[in-house]
């Protein structure tokens, strides 16, 4: 199932919290070789995890982490503005209608549909919070994933070549995108809405682009 959890709520889900940060270390440090900070307990955390981001997390039936990503409003500190402004021509992306998405992570052996479910969670945030776009930094390996899911970003700028290429992109929110991701993830609109409302209460979230 999908969980929407703010940083200051993570301690209520210790197994989910710990396995998420350990899976992040496994993916970003061990598998991808990124220069990230790994704690003595084998967890990957950074300076943005302490400013109360909103996490979208796929939770396995045993309570463990299957995949996750992290959202922050661009009116505050973000990775794009702090470290990757050279990819946007020096332009600071700052709007209450644009949120940054980072740390897209999948646990080892995660089902194919987990990627779609996470993207669905992002789409639900956009529709439910009446946002316009998500912005994020991604590497070349993610292009294939976004393309397969049918929700590719508009590229604002790139640097590097081949597997080392990184880009900044914008994703446009909307119910048509969310409806496509519902099908990709194999999740009904009713169930997805229930998961969202468990976190945020009753919202005016349409069940489909036409409903």
N, C-alpha and C. Protein backbone atom coordinates (compact mmCIF):
# COMPACT_ATOMS: atom_id res chain seq x y z
N UNK A 1 0.83 -1.19 0.00
CA UNK A 1 0.00 0.00 0.00
C UNK A 1 0.87 1.24 0.00
N UNK A 2 0.28 2.37 -0.41
CA UNK A 2 0.98 3.64 -0.39
C UNK A 2 0.78 4.34 0.94
N UNK A 3 1.86 4.89 1.45
CA UNK A 3 1.82 5.72 2.65
C UNK A 3 2.31 7.11 2.30
N UNK A 4 1.67 8.12 2.86
CA UNK A 4 2.12 9.50 2.74
C UNK A 4 2.48 9.95 4.15
N UNK A 5 3.77 10.16 4.39
CA UNK A 5 4.23 10.40 5.76
C UNK A 5 5.20 11.58 5.78
N UNK A 6 4.91 12.57 6.63
CA UNK A 6 5.85 13.67 6.82
C UNK A 6 7.01 13.20 7.69
N UNK A 7 8.13 13.89 7.54
CA UNK A 7 9.33 13.51 8.26
C UNK A 7 9.14 13.41 9.76
N UNK A 8 8.36 14.33 10.33
CA UNK A 8 8.17 14.32 11.78
C UNK A 8 7.21 13.23 12.24
N UNK A 9 6.67 12.45 11.30
CA UNK A 9 5.78 11.34 11.64
C UNK A 9 6.46 9.98 11.47
N UNK A 10 7.68 9.97 10.92
CA UNK A 10 8.33 8.70 10.60
C UNK A 10 8.56 7.81 11.81
N UNK A 11 8.79 8.40 12.98
CA UNK A 11 9.08 7.59 14.16
C UNK A 11 7.91 6.71 14.58
N UNK A 12 6.71 7.03 14.07
CA UNK A 12 5.55 6.19 14.36
C UNK A 12 5.57 4.91 13.53
N UNK A 13 6.48 4.83 12.56
CA UNK A 13 6.60 3.66 11.68
C UNK A 13 8.07 3.23 11.64
N UNK A 14 8.60 2.72 12.75
CA UNK A 14 10.05 2.46 12.84
C UNK A 14 10.57 1.48 11.81
N UNK A 15 9.86 0.40 11.53
CA UNK A 15 10.35 -0.55 10.54
C UNK A 15 10.36 0.06 9.15
N UNK A 16 9.31 0.78 8.81
CA UNK A 16 9.23 1.42 7.50
C UNK A 16 10.31 2.48 7.37
N UNK A 17 10.50 3.26 8.41
CA UNK A 17 11.54 4.31 8.43
C UNK A 17 12.92 3.72 8.23
N UNK A 18 13.27 2.72 9.04
CA UNK A 18 14.63 2.18 9.01
C UNK A 18 14.92 1.46 7.70
N UNK A 19 13.96 0.70 7.20
CA UNK A 19 14.22 -0.02 5.95
C UNK A 19 14.27 0.94 4.77
N UNK A 20 13.54 2.05 4.82
CA UNK A 20 13.63 3.04 3.75
C UNK A 20 15.03 3.64 3.67
N UNK A 21 15.56 4.10 4.81
CA UNK A 21 16.88 4.72 4.79
C UNK A 21 17.98 3.71 4.47
N UNK A 22 17.80 2.45 4.88
CA UNK A 22 18.79 1.43 4.53
C UNK A 22 18.72 1.10 3.04
N UNK A 23 17.51 1.04 2.49
CA UNK A 23 17.38 0.78 1.06
C UNK A 23 17.94 1.95 0.24
N UNK A 24 17.81 3.16 0.75
CA UNK A 24 18.41 4.30 0.07
C UNK A 24 19.93 4.17 0.03
N UNK A 25 20.54 3.74 1.12
CA UNK A 25 21.99 3.52 1.15
C UNK A 25 22.38 2.43 0.17
N UNK A 26 21.60 1.36 0.13
CA UNK A 26 21.88 0.25 -0.76
C UNK A 26 21.81 0.69 -2.22
N UNK A 27 20.81 1.47 -2.56
CA UNK A 27 20.65 1.88 -3.95
C UNK A 27 21.66 2.95 -4.35
N UNK A 28 21.70 4.03 -3.60
CA UNK A 28 22.50 5.18 -4.03
C UNK A 28 24.00 4.99 -3.78
N UNK A 29 24.36 4.36 -2.66
CA UNK A 29 25.78 4.18 -2.35
C UNK A 29 26.32 2.88 -2.93
N UNK A 30 25.66 1.77 -2.61
CA UNK A 30 26.20 0.47 -3.01
C UNK A 30 26.04 0.18 -4.49
N UNK A 31 24.83 0.38 -5.01
CA UNK A 31 24.57 0.01 -6.40
C UNK A 31 24.97 1.08 -7.40
N UNK A 32 24.70 2.35 -7.08
CA UNK A 32 24.97 3.42 -8.04
C UNK A 32 26.30 4.13 -7.81
N UNK A 33 26.87 3.95 -6.63
CA UNK A 33 28.16 4.55 -6.35
C UNK A 33 28.15 6.05 -6.17
N UNK A 34 27.00 6.60 -5.76
CA UNK A 34 26.93 8.04 -5.52
C UNK A 34 27.71 8.39 -4.26
N UNK A 35 28.18 9.63 -4.22
CA UNK A 35 28.87 10.13 -3.02
C UNK A 35 27.82 10.67 -2.05
N UNK A 36 27.23 9.78 -1.28
CA UNK A 36 26.21 10.15 -0.30
C UNK A 36 26.69 9.76 1.09
N UNK A 37 26.10 10.38 2.08
CA UNK A 37 26.45 10.07 3.47
C UNK A 37 25.70 8.84 3.95
N UNK A 38 26.43 7.87 4.46
CA UNK A 38 25.83 6.66 5.02
C UNK A 38 26.20 6.60 6.49
N UNK A 39 25.22 6.44 7.36
CA UNK A 39 25.45 6.43 8.80
C UNK A 39 26.08 5.11 9.23
N UNK A 40 26.51 5.08 10.47
CA UNK A 40 27.11 3.85 11.01
C UNK A 40 26.12 2.69 11.05
N UNK A 41 24.84 3.00 11.06
CA UNK A 41 23.81 1.96 11.04
C UNK A 41 23.39 1.58 9.62
N UNK A 42 24.12 2.10 8.62
CA UNK A 42 23.86 1.71 7.24
C UNK A 42 22.70 2.43 6.59
N UNK A 43 22.40 3.64 7.03
CA UNK A 43 21.29 4.41 6.48
C UNK A 43 21.80 5.61 5.70
N UNK A 44 21.11 5.95 4.61
CA UNK A 44 21.44 7.14 3.84
C UNK A 44 20.46 8.24 4.18
N UNK A 45 20.98 9.31 4.73
CA UNK A 45 20.19 10.49 5.08
C UNK A 45 20.96 11.73 4.64
N UNK A 46 20.23 12.80 4.35
CA UNK A 46 20.91 14.04 3.99
C UNK A 46 20.24 15.23 4.67
N UNK A 47 20.70 16.43 4.35
CA UNK A 47 20.22 17.64 5.02
C UNK A 47 18.75 17.94 4.75
N UNK A 48 18.19 17.34 3.71
CA UNK A 48 16.79 17.62 3.38
C UNK A 48 15.83 16.70 4.13
N UNK A 49 16.35 15.64 4.69
CA UNK A 49 15.51 14.76 5.49
C UNK A 49 15.16 15.36 6.85
N UNK A 50 15.87 16.42 7.26
CA UNK A 50 15.63 17.01 8.57
C UNK A 50 14.72 18.24 8.50
N UNK A 51 14.22 18.58 7.31
CA UNK A 51 13.36 19.77 7.20
C UNK A 51 11.91 19.36 6.91
N UNK A 52 11.54 18.21 7.42
CA UNK A 52 10.16 17.72 7.40
C UNK A 52 9.57 17.59 5.99
N UNK A 53 10.24 16.82 5.12
CA UNK A 53 9.66 16.57 3.79
C UNK A 53 8.46 15.64 3.89
N UNK A 54 7.76 15.52 2.79
CA UNK A 54 6.67 14.56 2.67
C UNK A 54 7.18 13.37 1.87
N UNK A 55 7.11 12.17 2.47
CA UNK A 55 7.55 10.95 1.80
C UNK A 55 6.35 10.20 1.23
N UNK A 56 6.50 9.72 0.02
CA UNK A 56 5.56 8.77 -0.56
C UNK A 56 6.25 7.41 -0.51
N UNK A 57 5.67 6.46 0.20
CA UNK A 57 6.34 5.19 0.45
C UNK A 57 5.42 4.02 0.11
N UNK A 58 5.97 3.06 -0.63
CA UNK A 58 5.26 1.80 -0.83
C UNK A 58 5.63 0.87 0.31
N UNK A 59 4.62 0.47 1.08
CA UNK A 59 4.83 -0.39 2.24
C UNK A 59 4.43 -1.82 1.92
N UNK A 60 5.36 -2.73 2.15
CA UNK A 60 5.04 -4.15 1.97
C UNK A 60 4.08 -4.62 3.07
N UNK A 61 3.51 -5.79 2.87
CA UNK A 61 2.57 -6.34 3.84
C UNK A 61 3.22 -6.57 5.20
N UNK A 62 4.55 -6.79 5.22
CA UNK A 62 5.23 -7.03 6.49
C UNK A 62 5.64 -5.72 7.18
N UNK A 63 5.26 -4.60 6.61
CA UNK A 63 5.58 -3.31 7.21
C UNK A 63 6.88 -2.70 6.72
N UNK A 64 7.61 -3.42 5.86
CA UNK A 64 8.88 -2.91 5.36
C UNK A 64 8.73 -2.06 4.11
N UNK A 65 9.83 -1.45 3.72
CA UNK A 65 9.90 -0.51 2.61
C UNK A 65 10.04 -1.23 1.28
N UNK A 66 9.21 -0.83 0.30
CA UNK A 66 9.33 -1.37 -1.05
C UNK A 66 9.83 -0.34 -2.03
N UNK A 67 9.60 0.92 -1.74
CA UNK A 67 10.04 2.00 -2.61
C UNK A 67 9.57 3.32 -2.03
N UNK A 68 10.21 4.41 -2.43
CA UNK A 68 9.84 5.71 -1.85
C UNK A 68 10.38 6.85 -2.69
N UNK A 69 9.86 8.03 -2.43
CA UNK A 69 10.41 9.28 -2.93
C UNK A 69 10.02 10.40 -1.98
N UNK A 70 10.65 11.54 -2.15
CA UNK A 70 10.56 12.62 -1.17
C UNK A 70 10.15 13.92 -1.84
N UNK A 71 9.21 14.64 -1.20
CA UNK A 71 8.72 15.90 -1.76
C UNK A 71 8.99 17.07 -0.81
N UNK A 72 9.37 18.20 -1.40
CA UNK A 72 9.53 19.45 -0.67
C UNK A 72 9.00 20.61 -1.50
N UNK A 73 8.27 21.55 -0.89
CA UNK A 73 7.82 22.75 -1.62
C UNK A 73 9.04 23.57 -2.05
N UNK A 74 8.99 24.14 -3.24
CA UNK A 74 10.14 24.91 -3.72
C UNK A 74 10.21 26.30 -3.12
N UNK A 75 9.25 26.68 -2.28
CA UNK A 75 9.37 27.96 -1.58
C UNK A 75 10.40 27.89 -0.47
N UNK A 76 10.82 26.68 -0.12
CA UNK A 76 11.88 26.49 0.88
C UNK A 76 13.13 25.94 0.22
N UNK A 77 13.99 25.34 1.02
CA UNK A 77 15.24 24.77 0.50
C UNK A 77 14.96 23.52 -0.32
N UNK A 78 15.66 23.41 -1.45
CA UNK A 78 15.55 22.24 -2.30
C UNK A 78 16.91 21.91 -2.90
N UNK A 79 17.08 20.67 -3.34
CA UNK A 79 18.31 20.26 -3.99
C UNK A 79 18.49 20.98 -5.32
N UNK A 80 17.41 21.14 -6.07
CA UNK A 80 17.51 21.80 -7.37
C UNK A 80 18.08 23.20 -7.24
N UNK A 81 17.56 23.96 -6.29
CA UNK A 81 18.00 25.34 -6.15
C UNK A 81 19.35 25.46 -5.45
N UNK A 82 19.64 24.54 -4.52
CA UNK A 82 20.88 24.63 -3.75
C UNK A 82 22.10 24.10 -4.50
N UNK A 83 21.89 23.09 -5.36
CA UNK A 83 23.04 22.40 -5.95
C UNK A 83 23.01 22.27 -7.47
N UNK A 84 21.87 22.46 -8.11
CA UNK A 84 21.78 22.18 -9.54
C UNK A 84 21.24 23.35 -10.35
N UNK A 85 21.44 24.57 -9.83
CA UNK A 85 20.91 25.72 -10.55
C UNK A 85 21.64 25.95 -11.88
N UNK A 86 22.84 25.39 -12.00
CA UNK A 86 23.54 25.52 -13.29
C UNK A 86 22.80 24.80 -14.41
N UNK A 87 21.92 23.84 -14.05
CA UNK A 87 21.15 23.13 -15.06
C UNK A 87 19.89 23.88 -15.47
N UNK A 88 19.54 24.93 -14.73
CA UNK A 88 18.37 25.74 -15.08
C UNK A 88 18.77 27.13 -15.55
N UNK A 89 20.03 27.27 -15.96
CA UNK A 89 20.50 28.57 -16.41
C UNK A 89 20.60 29.59 -15.31
N UNK A 90 20.77 29.12 -14.08
CA UNK A 90 20.86 30.02 -12.94
C UNK A 90 19.53 30.47 -12.39
N UNK A 91 18.44 29.99 -12.97
CA UNK A 91 17.10 30.39 -12.54
C UNK A 91 16.70 29.59 -11.30
N UNK A 92 16.23 30.29 -10.29
CA UNK A 92 15.73 29.64 -9.08
C UNK A 92 14.27 29.26 -9.28
N UNK A 93 13.95 28.00 -9.10
CA UNK A 93 12.56 27.54 -9.25
C UNK A 93 11.88 27.67 -7.90
N UNK A 94 10.95 28.61 -7.80
CA UNK A 94 10.32 28.91 -6.52
C UNK A 94 8.86 29.27 -6.76
N UNK A 95 7.97 28.41 -6.30
CA UNK A 95 6.52 28.63 -6.46
C UNK A 95 5.78 27.72 -5.50
N UNK A 96 4.70 28.21 -4.87
CA UNK A 96 3.90 27.32 -4.02
C UNK A 96 3.20 26.23 -4.82
N UNK A 97 3.17 26.37 -6.13
CA UNK A 97 2.50 25.39 -6.99
C UNK A 97 3.46 24.38 -7.61
N UNK A 98 4.75 24.48 -7.23
CA UNK A 98 5.76 23.56 -7.73
C UNK A 98 6.49 22.93 -6.55
N UNK A 99 6.49 21.60 -6.48
CA UNK A 99 7.20 20.88 -5.42
C UNK A 99 8.32 20.06 -6.03
N UNK A 100 9.41 19.94 -5.28
CA UNK A 100 10.53 19.13 -5.73
C UNK A 100 10.36 17.68 -5.29
N UNK A 101 10.69 16.77 -6.20
CA UNK A 101 10.68 15.34 -5.90
C UNK A 101 12.10 14.80 -6.03
N UNK A 102 12.60 14.11 -5.00
CA UNK A 102 13.95 13.55 -5.01
C UNK A 102 13.95 12.17 -4.36
N UNK A 103 15.12 11.54 -4.40
CA UNK A 103 15.37 10.25 -3.74
C UNK A 103 14.38 9.15 -4.13
N UNK A 104 14.14 9.04 -5.46
CA UNK A 104 13.32 7.93 -5.97
C UNK A 104 14.10 6.64 -5.74
N UNK A 105 13.57 5.78 -4.91
CA UNK A 105 14.31 4.59 -4.47
C UNK A 105 13.42 3.36 -4.51
N UNK A 106 13.99 2.25 -4.98
CA UNK A 106 13.30 0.97 -4.97
C UNK A 106 14.12 -0.04 -4.18
N UNK A 107 13.47 -0.84 -3.37
CA UNK A 107 14.17 -1.89 -2.65
C UNK A 107 14.60 -2.98 -3.63
N UNK A 108 15.60 -3.74 -3.24
CA UNK A 108 16.03 -4.86 -4.10
C UNK A 108 14.86 -5.83 -4.29
N UNK A 109 14.65 -6.20 -5.53
CA UNK A 109 13.59 -7.17 -5.83
C UNK A 109 12.20 -6.59 -5.82
N UNK A 110 12.07 -5.26 -5.82
CA UNK A 110 10.74 -4.65 -5.81
C UNK A 110 9.98 -5.02 -7.09
N UNK A 111 8.69 -5.24 -6.96
CA UNK A 111 7.86 -5.55 -8.11
C UNK A 111 7.87 -4.39 -9.09
N UNK A 112 7.65 -4.70 -10.37
CA UNK A 112 7.64 -3.68 -11.41
C UNK A 112 6.61 -2.60 -11.12
N UNK A 113 5.49 -2.99 -10.56
CA UNK A 113 4.41 -2.01 -10.36
C UNK A 113 4.70 -1.02 -9.25
N UNK A 114 5.74 -1.26 -8.44
CA UNK A 114 6.06 -0.33 -7.37
C UNK A 114 6.46 1.03 -7.94
N UNK A 115 7.22 1.04 -9.04
CA UNK A 115 7.59 2.30 -9.67
C UNK A 115 6.35 3.08 -10.07
N UNK A 116 5.39 2.40 -10.68
CA UNK A 116 4.15 3.06 -11.10
C UNK A 116 3.36 3.54 -9.89
N UNK A 117 3.35 2.74 -8.82
CA UNK A 117 2.61 3.13 -7.62
C UNK A 117 3.21 4.39 -6.99
N UNK A 118 4.53 4.49 -6.97
CA UNK A 118 5.17 5.69 -6.42
C UNK A 118 4.83 6.91 -7.26
N UNK A 119 4.92 6.76 -8.57
CA UNK A 119 4.57 7.88 -9.45
C UNK A 119 3.10 8.25 -9.30
N UNK A 120 2.25 7.24 -9.09
CA UNK A 120 0.84 7.50 -8.81
C UNK A 120 0.70 8.33 -7.55
N UNK A 121 1.45 7.97 -6.50
CA UNK A 121 1.40 8.75 -5.27
C UNK A 121 1.79 10.20 -5.50
N UNK A 122 2.81 10.41 -6.34
CA UNK A 122 3.19 11.78 -6.68
C UNK A 122 2.08 12.51 -7.41
N UNK A 123 1.42 11.80 -8.33
CA UNK A 123 0.32 12.40 -9.07
C UNK A 123 -0.85 12.75 -8.14
N UNK A 124 -1.11 11.88 -7.16
CA UNK A 124 -2.18 12.16 -6.20
C UNK A 124 -1.87 13.41 -5.38
N UNK A 125 -0.60 13.60 -5.01
CA UNK A 125 -0.21 14.80 -4.28
C UNK A 125 -0.49 16.04 -5.14
N UNK A 126 -0.11 15.97 -6.41
CA UNK A 126 -0.34 17.10 -7.29
C UNK A 126 -1.80 17.46 -7.44
N UNK A 127 -2.63 16.44 -7.68
CA UNK A 127 -4.07 16.68 -7.85
C UNK A 127 -4.70 17.10 -6.53
N UNK A 128 -4.36 16.38 -5.45
CA UNK A 128 -4.99 16.64 -4.17
C UNK A 128 -4.62 17.98 -3.56
N UNK A 129 -3.38 18.44 -3.81
CA UNK A 129 -2.92 19.72 -3.27
C UNK A 129 -3.02 20.85 -4.28
N UNK A 130 -3.60 20.56 -5.45
CA UNK A 130 -3.81 21.56 -6.51
C UNK A 130 -2.51 22.21 -6.96
N UNK A 131 -1.49 21.36 -7.16
CA UNK A 131 -0.20 21.83 -7.65
C UNK A 131 -0.17 21.81 -9.17
N UNK A 132 0.79 22.54 -9.73
CA UNK A 132 0.95 22.59 -11.19
C UNK A 132 2.02 21.63 -11.69
N UNK A 133 3.16 21.62 -11.02
CA UNK A 133 4.29 20.82 -11.51
C UNK A 133 5.10 20.24 -10.35
N UNK A 134 5.80 19.16 -10.66
CA UNK A 134 6.90 18.67 -9.83
C UNK A 134 8.19 18.96 -10.58
N UNK A 135 9.25 19.22 -9.83
CA UNK A 135 10.57 19.42 -10.43
C UNK A 135 11.53 18.44 -9.78
N UNK A 136 12.47 17.94 -10.54
CA UNK A 136 13.41 17.00 -9.96
C UNK A 136 14.67 16.86 -10.79
N UNK A 137 15.70 16.36 -10.15
CA UNK A 137 16.97 16.04 -10.80
C UNK A 137 17.02 14.53 -10.98
N UNK A 138 17.42 14.07 -12.14
CA UNK A 138 17.46 12.63 -12.39
C UNK A 138 18.62 12.30 -13.31
N UNK A 139 19.05 11.04 -13.25
CA UNK A 139 20.13 10.59 -14.11
C UNK A 139 19.56 9.80 -15.29
N UNK A 140 20.45 9.39 -16.17
CA UNK A 140 20.01 8.81 -17.44
C UNK A 140 19.22 7.52 -17.26
N UNK A 141 19.50 6.76 -16.19
CA UNK A 141 18.79 5.48 -16.00
C UNK A 141 17.30 5.68 -15.77
N UNK A 142 16.91 6.86 -15.24
CA UNK A 142 15.51 7.11 -14.93
C UNK A 142 14.69 7.44 -16.16
N UNK A 143 15.34 7.87 -17.23
CA UNK A 143 14.60 8.26 -18.44
C UNK A 143 13.75 7.10 -18.94
N UNK A 144 14.35 5.90 -18.95
CA UNK A 144 13.63 4.71 -19.42
C UNK A 144 12.43 4.41 -18.52
N UNK A 145 12.58 4.59 -17.22
CA UNK A 145 11.48 4.33 -16.29
C UNK A 145 10.34 5.29 -16.52
N UNK A 146 10.65 6.59 -16.62
CA UNK A 146 9.60 7.58 -16.85
C UNK A 146 8.89 7.34 -18.18
N UNK A 147 9.67 6.99 -19.20
CA UNK A 147 9.09 6.75 -20.52
C UNK A 147 8.15 5.54 -20.47
N UNK A 148 8.58 4.49 -19.77
CA UNK A 148 7.74 3.29 -19.68
C UNK A 148 6.43 3.56 -18.95
N UNK A 149 6.49 4.45 -17.96
CA UNK A 149 5.29 4.76 -17.19
C UNK A 149 4.39 5.77 -17.89
N UNK A 150 4.88 6.40 -18.95
CA UNK A 150 4.06 7.34 -19.70
C UNK A 150 3.93 8.70 -19.06
N UNK A 151 4.89 9.06 -18.20
CA UNK A 151 4.87 10.38 -17.57
C UNK A 151 6.28 10.95 -17.58
N UNK A 152 6.70 11.34 -18.76
CA UNK A 152 8.04 11.88 -18.90
C UNK A 152 8.07 13.36 -18.59
N UNK A 153 9.23 13.86 -18.13
CA UNK A 153 9.35 15.28 -17.79
C UNK A 153 9.71 16.13 -18.99
N UNK A 154 9.47 17.42 -18.87
CA UNK A 154 10.02 18.41 -19.79
C UNK A 154 11.41 18.77 -19.28
N UNK A 155 12.42 18.54 -20.10
CA UNK A 155 13.80 18.76 -19.68
C UNK A 155 14.11 20.26 -19.69
N UNK A 156 14.61 20.75 -18.56
CA UNK A 156 15.01 22.15 -18.45
C UNK A 156 16.50 22.34 -18.74
N UNK A 157 17.29 21.33 -18.48
CA UNK A 157 18.72 21.42 -18.72
C UNK A 157 19.41 20.13 -18.33
N UNK A 158 20.54 19.84 -18.99
CA UNK A 158 21.28 18.60 -18.74
C UNK A 158 22.77 18.88 -18.73
N UNK A 159 23.51 17.95 -18.13
CA UNK A 159 24.96 18.04 -18.08
C UNK A 159 25.53 16.63 -18.08
N UNK A 160 26.64 16.43 -18.75
CA UNK A 160 27.26 15.11 -18.82
C UNK A 160 26.80 14.34 -20.04
N UNK A 161 27.38 13.14 -20.18
CA UNK A 161 27.06 12.29 -21.32
C UNK A 161 26.83 10.85 -20.88
N UNK A 162 26.03 10.14 -21.67
CA UNK A 162 25.80 8.72 -21.42
C UNK A 162 25.23 8.45 -20.04
N UNK A 163 25.80 7.48 -19.35
CA UNK A 163 25.30 7.09 -18.03
C UNK A 163 25.55 8.16 -16.98
N UNK A 164 26.46 9.08 -17.27
CA UNK A 164 26.79 10.15 -16.31
C UNK A 164 25.94 11.40 -16.50
N UNK A 165 25.04 11.39 -17.45
CA UNK A 165 24.22 12.57 -17.71
C UNK A 165 23.21 12.78 -16.58
N UNK A 166 23.09 14.01 -16.13
CA UNK A 166 22.04 14.37 -15.17
C UNK A 166 21.22 15.51 -15.75
N UNK A 167 19.95 15.54 -15.39
CA UNK A 167 19.04 16.54 -15.95
C UNK A 167 18.10 17.07 -14.87
N UNK A 168 17.58 18.24 -15.12
CA UNK A 168 16.48 18.79 -14.32
C UNK A 168 15.26 18.81 -15.21
N UNK A 169 14.13 18.35 -14.69
CA UNK A 169 12.91 18.30 -15.48
C UNK A 169 11.69 18.70 -14.69
N UNK A 170 10.64 19.04 -15.43
CA UNK A 170 9.34 19.39 -14.85
C UNK A 170 8.31 18.35 -15.27
N UNK A 171 7.51 17.89 -14.31
CA UNK A 171 6.38 17.01 -14.59
C UNK A 171 5.09 17.79 -14.35
N UNK A 172 4.19 17.75 -15.30
CA UNK A 172 2.92 18.46 -15.15
C UNK A 172 1.89 17.55 -14.48
N UNK A 173 1.26 18.06 -13.44
CA UNK A 173 0.23 17.30 -12.73
C UNK A 173 -1.11 17.40 -13.46
N UNK A 174 -1.97 16.41 -13.23
CA UNK A 174 -3.31 16.43 -13.79
C UNK A 174 -3.97 15.08 -13.65
N UNK A 175 -5.29 15.06 -13.69
CA UNK A 175 -6.02 13.79 -13.56
C UNK A 175 -5.78 12.82 -14.71
N UNK A 176 -5.58 13.27 -15.97
CA UNK A 176 -5.29 12.28 -17.02
C UNK A 176 -4.02 11.48 -16.74
N UNK A 177 -2.98 12.16 -16.25
CA UNK A 177 -1.74 11.46 -15.89
C UNK A 177 -2.01 10.47 -14.76
N UNK A 178 -2.74 10.92 -13.75
CA UNK A 178 -3.03 10.04 -12.63
C UNK A 178 -3.81 8.81 -13.08
N UNK A 179 -4.77 8.99 -14.01
CA UNK A 179 -5.56 7.87 -14.48
C UNK A 179 -4.70 6.84 -15.22
N UNK A 180 -3.73 7.31 -16.00
CA UNK A 180 -2.82 6.38 -16.68
C UNK A 180 -2.00 5.58 -15.68
N UNK A 181 -1.54 6.26 -14.61
CA UNK A 181 -0.72 5.59 -13.62
C UNK A 181 -1.53 4.60 -12.78
N UNK A 182 -2.81 4.86 -12.58
CA UNK A 182 -3.67 3.90 -11.90
C UNK A 182 -3.66 2.57 -12.65
N UNK A 183 -3.76 2.65 -13.97
CA UNK A 183 -3.76 1.44 -14.78
C UNK A 183 -2.41 0.75 -14.75
N UNK A 184 -1.33 1.54 -14.84
CA UNK A 184 0.01 0.96 -14.83
C UNK A 184 0.29 0.24 -13.50
N UNK A 185 -0.20 0.83 -12.40
CA UNK A 185 0.06 0.26 -11.08
C UNK A 185 -0.93 -0.83 -10.71
N UNK A 186 -2.03 -0.95 -11.45
CA UNK A 186 -3.04 -1.95 -11.12
C UNK A 186 -3.77 -1.64 -9.83
N UNK A 187 -3.99 -0.35 -9.59
CA UNK A 187 -4.66 0.12 -8.37
C UNK A 187 -5.92 0.86 -8.77
N UNK A 188 -7.02 0.60 -8.08
CA UNK A 188 -8.27 1.29 -8.41
C UNK A 188 -8.24 2.72 -7.90
N UNK A 189 -9.02 3.60 -8.54
CA UNK A 189 -9.11 4.99 -8.12
C UNK A 189 -9.64 5.09 -6.69
N UNK A 190 -10.56 4.20 -6.34
CA UNK A 190 -11.15 4.23 -5.00
C UNK A 190 -10.12 3.90 -3.93
N UNK A 191 -9.30 2.88 -4.19
CA UNK A 191 -8.28 2.50 -3.22
C UNK A 191 -7.21 3.59 -3.10
N UNK A 192 -6.80 4.13 -4.22
CA UNK A 192 -5.79 5.19 -4.19
C UNK A 192 -6.30 6.41 -3.43
N UNK A 193 -7.54 6.75 -3.64
CA UNK A 193 -8.13 7.88 -2.92
C UNK A 193 -8.21 7.58 -1.42
N UNK A 194 -8.54 6.34 -1.06
CA UNK A 194 -8.60 5.95 0.35
C UNK A 194 -7.24 6.11 1.01
N UNK A 195 -6.18 5.65 0.36
CA UNK A 195 -4.83 5.80 0.93
C UNK A 195 -4.47 7.27 1.13
N UNK A 196 -4.83 8.10 0.16
CA UNK A 196 -4.53 9.53 0.26
C UNK A 196 -5.30 10.17 1.40
N UNK A 197 -6.57 9.82 1.52
CA UNK A 197 -7.41 10.44 2.55
C UNK A 197 -7.06 9.93 3.95
N UNK A 198 -6.50 8.75 4.07
CA UNK A 198 -6.03 8.28 5.38
C UNK A 198 -4.93 9.20 5.92
N UNK A 199 -4.16 9.78 5.01
CA UNK A 199 -3.06 10.65 5.41
C UNK A 199 -3.51 12.10 5.60
N UNK A 200 -4.40 12.57 4.74
CA UNK A 200 -4.70 14.01 4.70
C UNK A 200 -6.15 14.36 4.98
N UNK A 201 -6.98 13.35 5.24
CA UNK A 201 -8.38 13.62 5.46
C UNK A 201 -9.14 13.71 4.15
N UNK A 202 -10.41 13.97 4.25
CA UNK A 202 -11.26 14.04 3.08
C UNK A 202 -10.88 15.22 2.21
N UNK A 203 -10.65 14.97 0.92
CA UNK A 203 -10.31 16.02 -0.02
C UNK A 203 -11.17 15.86 -1.27
N UNK A 204 -11.23 16.92 -2.05
CA UNK A 204 -12.00 16.88 -3.30
C UNK A 204 -11.13 16.27 -4.38
N UNK A 205 -10.99 14.95 -4.33
CA UNK A 205 -10.11 14.23 -5.24
C UNK A 205 -10.98 13.45 -6.22
N UNK A 206 -11.04 13.89 -7.50
CA UNK A 206 -11.88 13.18 -8.47
C UNK A 206 -11.40 11.77 -8.68
N UNK A 207 -12.34 10.87 -8.93
CA UNK A 207 -11.98 9.46 -9.14
C UNK A 207 -11.43 9.22 -10.53
N UNK A 208 -11.68 10.11 -11.47
CA UNK A 208 -11.13 9.98 -12.80
C UNK A 208 -11.15 11.35 -13.46
N UNK A 209 -10.54 11.43 -14.64
CA UNK A 209 -10.50 12.70 -15.36
C UNK A 209 -11.89 13.13 -15.80
N UNK A 210 -12.82 12.17 -15.88
CA UNK A 210 -14.17 12.51 -16.32
C UNK A 210 -15.19 12.44 -15.21
N UNK A 211 -14.74 11.98 -14.01
CA UNK A 211 -15.69 11.78 -12.92
C UNK A 211 -15.65 12.88 -11.89
